[in-house]
Amino acid sequence: MTVFIKFCWNILVIGSRWLFFVFFFLLALMNSQEVNFYWFINHSVKIPLMFIILGAFLMGMILAGFAFYRLNGKRSK
């Protein structure tokens, strides 16, 4: 029975990851109007909002990956 529960849990985890990705990807595609993105003082670029949303999502995934990698490294010692 526990093998079946673990299998179902893995399916739910993988499915939820895909669901989050599809949700944020569709959200980014719907927001295609151009906005001002400010780099530094008095420096701005007009880019579509979808790139900002996808970039923020990607940065969050990268930071979460580093955090999990660091947390896993501290537990194994």
PDB file of N, CA and C in Angstrom:
ATOM      1  N   MET A   1       0.822  -1.208   0.000  1.00  0.00           N
ATOM      2  CA  MET A   1       0.000   0.000   0.000  1.00  0.00           C
ATOM      3  C   MET A   1       0.859   1.262   0.000  1.00  0.00           C
ATOM      4  N   THR A   2       1.968   1.241   0.714  1.00  0.00           N
ATOM      5  CA  THR A   2       2.798   2.447   0.765  1.00  0.00           C
ATOM      6  C   THR A   2       3.443   2.748  -0.581  1.00  0.00           C
ATOM      7  N   VAL A   3       3.706   1.719  -1.380  1.00  0.00           N
ATOM      8  CA  VAL A   3       4.268   1.957  -2.705  1.00  0.00           C
ATOM      9  C   VAL A   3       3.256   2.705  -3.565  1.00  0.00           C
ATOM     10  N   PHE A   4       2.001   2.343  -3.457  1.00  0.00           N
ATOM     11  CA  PHE A   4       0.950   3.020  -4.206  1.00  0.00           C
ATOM     12  C   PHE A   4       0.799   4.468  -3.749  1.00  0.00           C
ATOM     13  N   ILE A   5       0.883   4.713  -2.450  1.00  0.00           N
ATOM     14  CA  ILE A   5       0.762   6.077  -1.925  1.00  0.00           C
ATOM     15  C   ILE A   5       1.941   6.923  -2.381  1.00  0.00           C
ATOM     16  N   LYS A   6       3.152   6.362  -2.358  1.00  0.00           N
ATOM     17  CA  LYS A   6       4.327   7.095  -2.831  1.00  0.00           C
ATOM     18  C   LYS A   6       4.211   7.412  -4.316  1.00  0.00           C
ATOM     19  N   PHE A   7       3.699   6.453  -5.088  1.00  0.00           N
ATOM     20  CA  PHE A   7       3.509   6.673  -6.522  1.00  0.00           C
ATOM     21  C   PHE A   7       2.507   7.800  -6.751  1.00  0.00           C
ATOM     22  N   CYS A   8       1.397   7.771  -6.028  1.00  0.00           N
ATOM     23  CA  CYS A   8       0.386   8.827  -6.168  1.00  0.00           C
ATOM     24  C   CYS A   8       0.938  10.177  -5.749  1.00  0.00           C
ATOM     25  N   TRP A   9       1.734  10.195  -4.684  1.00  0.00           N
ATOM     26  CA  TRP A   9       2.330  11.449  -4.222  1.00  0.00           C
ATOM     27  C   TRP A   9       3.278  12.016  -5.275  1.00  0.00           C
ATOM     28  N   ASN A  10       4.087  11.150  -5.876  1.00  0.00           N
ATOM     29  CA  ASN A  10       5.005  11.609  -6.925  1.00  0.00           C
ATOM     30  C   ASN A  10       4.245  12.166  -8.114  1.00  0.00           C
ATOM     31  N   ILE A  11       3.154  11.530  -8.480  1.00  0.00           N
ATOM     32  CA  ILE A  11       2.334  12.034  -9.584  1.00  0.00           C
ATOM     33  C   ILE A  11       1.763  13.408  -9.233  1.00  0.00           C
ATOM     34  N   LEU A  12       1.298  13.583  -7.991  1.00  0.00           N
ATOM     35  CA  LEU A  12       0.753  14.881  -7.568  1.00  0.00           C
ATOM     36  C   LEU A  12       1.827  15.969  -7.562  1.00  0.00           C
ATOM     37  N   VAL A  13       3.030  15.635  -7.117  1.00  0.00           N
ATOM     38  CA  VAL A  13       4.112  16.623  -7.070  1.00  0.00           C
ATOM     39  C   VAL A  13       4.497  17.045  -8.483  1.00  0.00           C
ATOM     40  N   ILE A  14       4.685  16.078  -9.363  1.00  0.00           N
ATOM     41  CA  ILE A  14       5.057  16.402 -10.746  1.00  0.00           C
ATOM     42  C   ILE A  14       3.934  17.177 -11.432  1.00  0.00           C
ATOM     43  N   GLY A  15       2.691  16.756 -11.204  1.00  0.00           N
ATOM     44  CA  GLY A  15       1.559  17.453 -11.799  1.00  0.00           C
ATOM     45  C   GLY A  15       1.434  18.882 -11.302  1.00  0.00           C
ATOM     46  N   SER A  16       1.675  19.100 -10.008  1.00  0.00           N
ATOM     47  CA  SER A  16       1.577  20.460  -9.475  1.00  0.00           C
ATOM     48  C   SER A  16       2.679  21.351 -10.030  1.00  0.00           C
ATOM     49  N   ARG A  17       3.867  20.801 -10.259  1.00  0.00           N
ATOM     50  CA  ARG A  17       4.942  21.598 -10.865  1.00  0.00           C
ATOM     51  C   ARG A  17       4.580  22.025 -12.273  1.00  0.00           C
ATOM     52  N   TRP A  18       4.031  21.096 -13.042  1.00  0.00           N
ATOM     53  CA  TRP A  18       3.609  21.437 -14.398  1.00  0.00           C
ATOM     54  C   TRP A  18       2.469  22.439 -14.374  1.00  0.00           C
ATOM     55  N   LEU A  19       1.558  22.277 -13.440  1.00  0.00           N
ATOM     56  CA  LEU A  19       0.430  23.194 -13.339  1.00  0.00           C
ATOM     57  C   LEU A  19       0.896  24.613 -13.029  1.00  0.00           C
ATOM     58  N   PHE A  20       1.846  24.765 -12.093  1.00  0.00           N
ATOM     59  CA  PHE A  20       2.396  26.092 -11.794  1.00  0.00           C
ATOM     60  C   PHE A  20       3.086  26.682 -13.021  1.00  0.00           C
ATOM     61  N   PHE A  21       3.865  25.862 -13.714  1.00  0.00           N
ATOM     62  CA  PHE A  21       4.562  26.358 -14.892  1.00  0.00           C
ATOM     63  C   PHE A  21       3.577  26.821 -15.953  1.00  0.00           C
ATOM     64  N   VAL A  22       2.578  26.014 -16.254  1.00  0.00           N
ATOM     65  CA  VAL A  22       1.593  26.368 -17.277  1.00  0.00           C
ATOM     66  C   VAL A  22       0.820  27.619 -16.860  1.00  0.00           C
ATOM     67  N   PHE A  23       0.458  27.722 -15.583  1.00  0.00           N
ATOM     68  CA  PHE A  23      -0.269  28.891 -15.096  1.00  0.00           C
ATOM     69  C   PHE A  23       0.545  30.168 -15.292  1.00  0.00           C
ATOM     70  N   PHE A  24       1.806  30.163 -14.861  1.00  0.00           N
ATOM     71  CA  PHE A  24       2.624  31.364 -14.985  1.00  0.00           C
ATOM     72  C   PHE A  24       2.969  31.660 -16.441  1.00  0.00           C
ATOM     73  N   PHE A  25       3.141  30.619 -17.248  1.00  0.00           N
ATOM     74  CA  PHE A  25       3.421  30.843 -18.658  1.00  0.00           C
ATOM     75  C   PHE A  25       2.230  31.482 -19.355  1.00  0.00           C
ATOM     76  N   LEU A  26       1.027  30.982 -19.096  1.00  0.00           N
ATOM     77  CA  LEU A  26      -0.172  31.585 -19.697  1.00  0.00           C
ATOM     78  C   LEU A  26      -0.417  32.986 -19.156  1.00  0.00           C
ATOM     79  N   LEU A  27      -0.152  33.209 -17.878  1.00  0.00           N
ATOM     80  CA  LEU A  27      -0.284  34.545 -17.309  1.00  0.00           C
ATOM     81  C   LEU A  27       0.662  35.515 -17.999  1.00  0.00           C
ATOM     82  N   ALA A  28       1.876  35.073 -18.252  1.00  0.00           N
ATOM     83  CA  ALA A  28       2.836  35.937 -18.930  1.00  0.00           C
ATOM     84  C   ALA A  28       2.422  36.212 -20.368  1.00  0.00           C
ATOM     85  N   LEU A  29       1.901  35.213 -21.047  1.00  0.00           N
ATOM     86  CA  LEU A  29       1.492  35.415 -22.439  1.00  0.00           C
ATOM     87  C   LEU A  29       0.318  36.373 -22.562  1.00  0.00           C
ATOM     88  N   MET A  30      -0.556  36.396 -21.564  1.00  0.00           N
ATOM     89  CA  MET A  30      -1.703  37.298 -21.619  1.00  0.00           C
ATOM     90  C   MET A  30      -1.301  38.744 -21.370  1.00  0.00           C
ATOM     91  N   ASN A  31      -0.195  38.981 -20.689  1.00  0.00           N
ATOM     92  CA  ASN A  31       0.257  40.340 -20.379  1.00  0.00           C
ATOM     93  C   ASN A  31       1.328  40.753 -21.377  1.00  0.00           C
ATOM     94  N   SER A  32       0.894  41.192 -22.545  1.00  0.00           N
ATOM     95  CA  SER A  32       1.857  41.518 -23.592  1.00  0.00           C
ATOM     96  C   SER A  32       2.033  43.023 -23.807  1.00  0.00           C
ATOM     97  N   GLN A  33       1.397  43.866 -22.998  1.00  0.00           N
ATOM     98  CA  GLN A  33       1.568  45.306 -23.175  1.00  0.00           C
ATOM     99  C   GLN A  33       2.976  45.722 -22.734  1.00  0.00           C
ATOM    100  N   GLU A  34       3.455  46.795 -23.343  1.00  0.00           N
ATOM    101  CA  GLU A  34       4.807  47.253 -23.030  1.00  0.00           C
ATOM    102  C   GLU A  34       4.806  48.127 -21.782  1.00  0.00           C
ATOM    103  N   VAL A  35       5.839  47.933 -20.965  1.00  0.00           N
ATOM    104  CA  VAL A  35       6.008  48.720 -19.747  1.00  0.00           C
ATOM    105  C   VAL A  35       7.446  49.229 -19.692  1.00  0.00           C
ATOM    106  N   ASN A  36       7.650  50.263 -18.888  1.00  0.00           N
ATOM    107  CA  ASN A  36       9.007  50.772 -18.665  1.00  0.00           C
ATOM    108  C   ASN A  36       9.680  49.938 -17.590  1.00  0.00           C
ATOM    109  N   PHE A  37      10.844  49.390 -17.916  1.00  0.00           N
ATOM    110  CA  PHE A  37      11.644  48.644 -16.953  1.00  0.00           C
ATOM    111  C   PHE A  37      12.865  49.484 -16.632  1.00  0.00           C
ATOM    112  N   TYR A  38      12.986  49.905 -15.366  1.00  0.00           N
ATOM    113  CA  TYR A  38      14.050  50.808 -14.953  1.00  0.00           C
ATOM    114  C   TYR A  38      15.256  50.005 -14.466  1.00  0.00           C
ATOM    115  N   TRP A  39      16.386  50.196 -15.156  1.00  0.00           N
ATOM    116  CA  TRP A  39      17.617  49.508 -14.774  1.00  0.00           C
ATOM    117  C   TRP A  39      18.338  50.267 -13.668  1.00  0.00           C
ATOM    118  N   PHE A  40      18.765  51.452 -13.984  1.00  0.00           N
ATOM    119  CA  PHE A  40      19.470  52.298 -13.027  1.00  0.00           C
ATOM    120  C   PHE A  40      18.796  53.660 -13.019  1.00  0.00           C
ATOM    121  N   ILE A  41      19.384  54.602 -12.330  1.00  0.00           N
ATOM    122  CA  ILE A  41      18.804  55.932 -12.278  1.00  0.00           C
ATOM    123  C   ILE A  41      18.792  56.526 -13.690  1.00  0.00           C
ATOM    124  N   ASN A  42      17.628  56.947 -14.142  1.00  0.00           N
ATOM    125  CA  ASN A  42      17.399  57.555 -15.460  1.00  0.00           C
ATOM    126  C   ASN A  42      17.689  56.629 -16.639  1.00  0.00           C
ATOM    127  N   HIS A  43      17.729  55.328 -16.429  1.00  0.00           N
ATOM    128  CA  HIS A  43      17.898  54.367 -17.518  1.00  0.00           C
ATOM    129  C   HIS A  43      16.697  53.433 -17.513  1.00  0.00           C
ATOM    130  N   SER A  44      15.932  53.475 -18.585  1.00  0.00           N
ATOM    131  CA  SER A  44      14.764  52.605 -18.680  1.00  0.00           C
ATOM    132  C   SER A  44      14.677  52.012 -20.078  1.00  0.00           C
ATOM    133  N   VAL A  45      14.002  50.878 -20.147  1.00  0.00           N
ATOM    134  CA  VAL A  45      13.801  50.177 -21.412  1.00  0.00           C
ATOM    135  C   VAL A  45      12.336  49.800 -21.495  1.00  0.00           C
ATOM    136  N   LYS A  46      11.745  49.939 -22.674  1.00  0.00           N
ATOM    137  CA  LYS A  46      10.356  49.487 -22.870  1.00  0.00           C
ATOM    138  C   LYS A  46      10.396  48.045 -23.348  1.00  0.00           C
ATOM    139  N   ILE A  47       9.855  47.135 -22.527  1.00  0.00           N
ATOM    140  CA  ILE A  47       9.791  45.724 -22.893  1.00  0.00           C
ATOM    141  C   ILE A  47       8.400  45.191 -22.539  1.00  0.00           C
ATOM    142  N   PRO A  48       7.978  44.107 -23.192  1.00  0.00           N
ATOM    143  CA  PRO A  48       6.677  43.523 -22.849  1.00  0.00           C
ATOM    144  C   PRO A  48       6.668  42.995 -21.414  1.00  0.00           C
ATOM    145  N   LEU A  49       5.529  43.129 -20.771  1.00  0.00           N
ATOM    146  CA  LEU A  49       5.390  42.697 -19.388  1.00  0.00           C
ATOM    147  C   LEU A  49       5.622  41.199 -19.232  1.00  0.00           C
ATOM    148  N   MET A  50       5.375  40.412 -20.292  1.00  0.00           N
ATOM    149  CA  MET A  50       5.550  38.966 -20.194  1.00  0.00           C
ATOM    150  C   MET A  50       6.995  38.597 -19.892  1.00  0.00           C
ATOM    151  N   PHE A  51       7.957  39.367 -20.396  1.00  0.00           N
ATOM    152  CA  PHE A  51       9.348  39.060 -20.113  1.00  0.00           C
ATOM    153  C   PHE A  51       9.690  39.331 -18.651  1.00  0.00           C
ATOM    154  N   ILE A  52       9.086  40.351 -18.078  1.00  0.00           N
ATOM    155  CA  ILE A  52       9.328  40.651 -16.665  1.00  0.00           C
ATOM    156  C   ILE A  52       8.735  39.560 -15.786  1.00  0.00           C
ATOM    157  N   ILE A  53       7.520  39.115 -16.100  1.00  0.00           N
ATOM    158  CA  ILE A  53       6.871  38.065 -15.300  1.00  0.00           C
ATOM    159  C   ILE A  53       7.640  36.762 -15.407  1.00  0.00           C
ATOM    160  N   LEU A  54       7.987  36.365 -16.633  1.00  0.00           N
ATOM    161  CA  LEU A  54       8.737  35.118 -16.807  1.00  0.00           C
ATOM    162  C   LEU A  54      10.132  35.213 -16.189  1.00  0.00           C
ATOM    163  N   GLY A  55      10.758  36.390 -16.278  1.00  0.00           N
ATOM    164  CA  GLY A  55      12.073  36.570 -15.661  1.00  0.00           C
ATOM    165  C   GLY A  55      12.010  36.465 -14.146  1.00  0.00           C
ATOM    166  N   ALA A  56      10.971  37.047 -13.544  1.00  0.00           N
ATOM    167  CA  ALA A  56      10.816  36.952 -12.091  1.00  0.00           C
ATOM    168  C   ALA A  56      10.538  35.511 -11.674  1.00  0.00           C
ATOM    169  N   PHE A  57       9.735  34.794 -12.455  1.00  0.00           N
ATOM    170  CA  PHE A  57       9.455  33.391 -12.164  1.00  0.00           C
ATOM    171  C   PHE A  57      10.722  32.557 -12.283  1.00  0.00           C
ATOM    172  N   LEU A  58      11.531  32.812 -13.314  1.00  0.00           N
ATOM    173  CA  LEU A  58      12.778  32.087 -13.496  1.00  0.00           C
ATOM    174  C   LEU A  58      13.759  32.375 -12.364  1.00  0.00           C
ATOM    175  N   MET A  59      13.861  33.631 -11.960  1.00  0.00           N
ATOM    176  CA  MET A  59      14.755  33.975 -10.847  1.00  0.00           C
ATOM    177  C   MET A  59      14.303  33.307  -9.552  1.00  0.00           C
ATOM    178  N   GLY A  60      12.999  33.225  -9.335  1.00  0.00           N
ATOM    179  CA  GLY A  60      12.490  32.533  -8.160  1.00  0.00           C
ATOM    180  C   GLY A  60      12.821  31.055  -8.177  1.00  0.00           C
ATOM    181  N   MET A  61      12.719  30.434  -9.352  1.00  0.00           N
ATOM    182  CA  MET A  61      13.073  29.019  -9.461  1.00  0.00           C
ATOM    183  C   MET A  61      14.559  28.799  -9.212  1.00  0.00           C
ATOM    184  N   ILE A  62      15.393  29.684  -9.737  1.00  0.00           N
ATOM    185  CA  ILE A  62      16.839  29.558  -9.543  1.00  0.00           C
ATOM    186  C   ILE A  62      17.194  29.744  -8.074  1.00  0.00           C
ATOM    187  N   LEU A  63      16.632  30.766  -7.426  1.00  0.00           N
ATOM    188  CA  LEU A  63      16.918  30.985  -6.007  1.00  0.00           C
ATOM    189  C   LEU A  63      16.417  29.835  -5.138  1.00  0.00           C
ATOM    190  N   ALA A  64      15.265  29.285  -5.464  1.00  0.00           N
ATOM    191  CA  ALA A  64      14.752  28.143  -4.717  1.00  0.00           C
ATOM    192  C   ALA A  64      15.650  26.919  -4.916  1.00  0.00           C
ATOM    193  N   GLY A  65      16.143  26.737  -6.129  1.00  0.00           N
ATOM    194  CA  GLY A  65      17.062  25.629  -6.390  1.00  0.00           C
ATOM    195  C   GLY A  65      18.346  25.764  -5.596  1.00  0.00           C
ATOM    196  N   PHE A  66      18.908  26.972  -5.537  1.00  0.00           N
ATOM    197  CA  PHE A  66      20.106  27.192  -4.722  1.00  0.00           C
ATOM    198  C   PHE A  66      19.826  26.957  -3.237  1.00  0.00           C
ATOM    199  N   ALA A  67      18.660  27.387  -2.773  1.00  0.00           N
ATOM    200  CA  ALA A  67      18.314  27.208  -1.365  1.00  0.00           C
ATOM    201  C   ALA A  67      18.175  25.722  -1.034  1.00  0.00           C
ATOM    202  N   PHE A  68      17.515  24.951  -1.895  1.00  0.00           N
ATOM    203  CA  PHE A  68      17.372  23.522  -1.649  1.00  0.00           C
ATOM    204  C   PHE A  68      18.714  22.809  -1.740  1.00  0.00           C
ATOM    205  N   TYR A  69      19.567  23.243  -2.668  1.00  0.00           N
ATOM    206  CA  TYR A  69      20.897  22.651  -2.794  1.00  0.00           C
ATOM    207  C   TYR A  69      21.717  22.913  -1.537  1.00  0.00           C
ATOM    208  N   ARG A  70      21.656  24.139  -1.033  1.00  0.00           N
ATOM    209  CA  ARG A  70      22.407  24.492   0.176  1.00  0.00           C
ATOM    210  C   ARG A  70      21.852  23.764   1.397  1.00  0.00           C
ATOM    211  N   LEU A  71      20.528  23.682   1.502  1.00  0.00           N
ATOM    212  CA  LEU A  71      19.897  22.996   2.617  1.00  0.00           C
ATOM    213  C   LEU A  71      20.241  21.502   2.590  1.00  0.00           C
ATOM    214  N   ASN A  72      20.244  20.902   1.424  1.00  0.00           N
ATOM    215  CA  ASN A  72      20.570  19.492   1.292  1.00  0.00           C
ATOM    216  C   ASN A  72      22.032  19.240   1.641  1.00  0.00           C
ATOM    217  N   GLY A  73      22.917  20.165   1.276  1.00  0.00           N
ATOM    218  CA  GLY A  73      24.335  20.022   1.597  1.00  0.00           C
ATOM    219  C   GLY A  73      24.608  20.112   3.090  1.00  0.00           C
ATOM    220  N   LYS A  74      23.853  20.944   3.810  1.00  0.00           N
ATOM    221  CA  LYS A  74      24.047  21.068   5.255  1.00  0.00           C
ATOM    222  C   LYS A  74      23.512  19.851   6.001  1.00  0.00           C
ATOM    223  N   ARG A  75      22.463  19.222   5.492  1.00  0.00           N
ATOM    224  CA  ARG A  75      21.899  18.056   6.162  1.00  0.00           C
ATOM    225  C   ARG A  75      22.778  16.826   6.007  1.00  0.00           C
ATOM    226  N   SER A  76      23.497  16.719   4.882  1.00  0.00           N
ATOM    227  CA  SER A  76      24.282  15.514   4.638  1.00  0.00           C
ATOM    228  C   SER A  76      25.564  15.488   5.446  1.00  0.00           C
ATOM    229  N   LYS A  77      25.978  16.612   6.003  1.00  0.00           N
ATOM    230  CA  LYS A  77      27.237  16.650   6.777  1.00  0.00           C
ATOM    231  C   LYS A  77      27.034  16.221   8.199  1.00  0.00           C
TER     232      LYS A  77
END
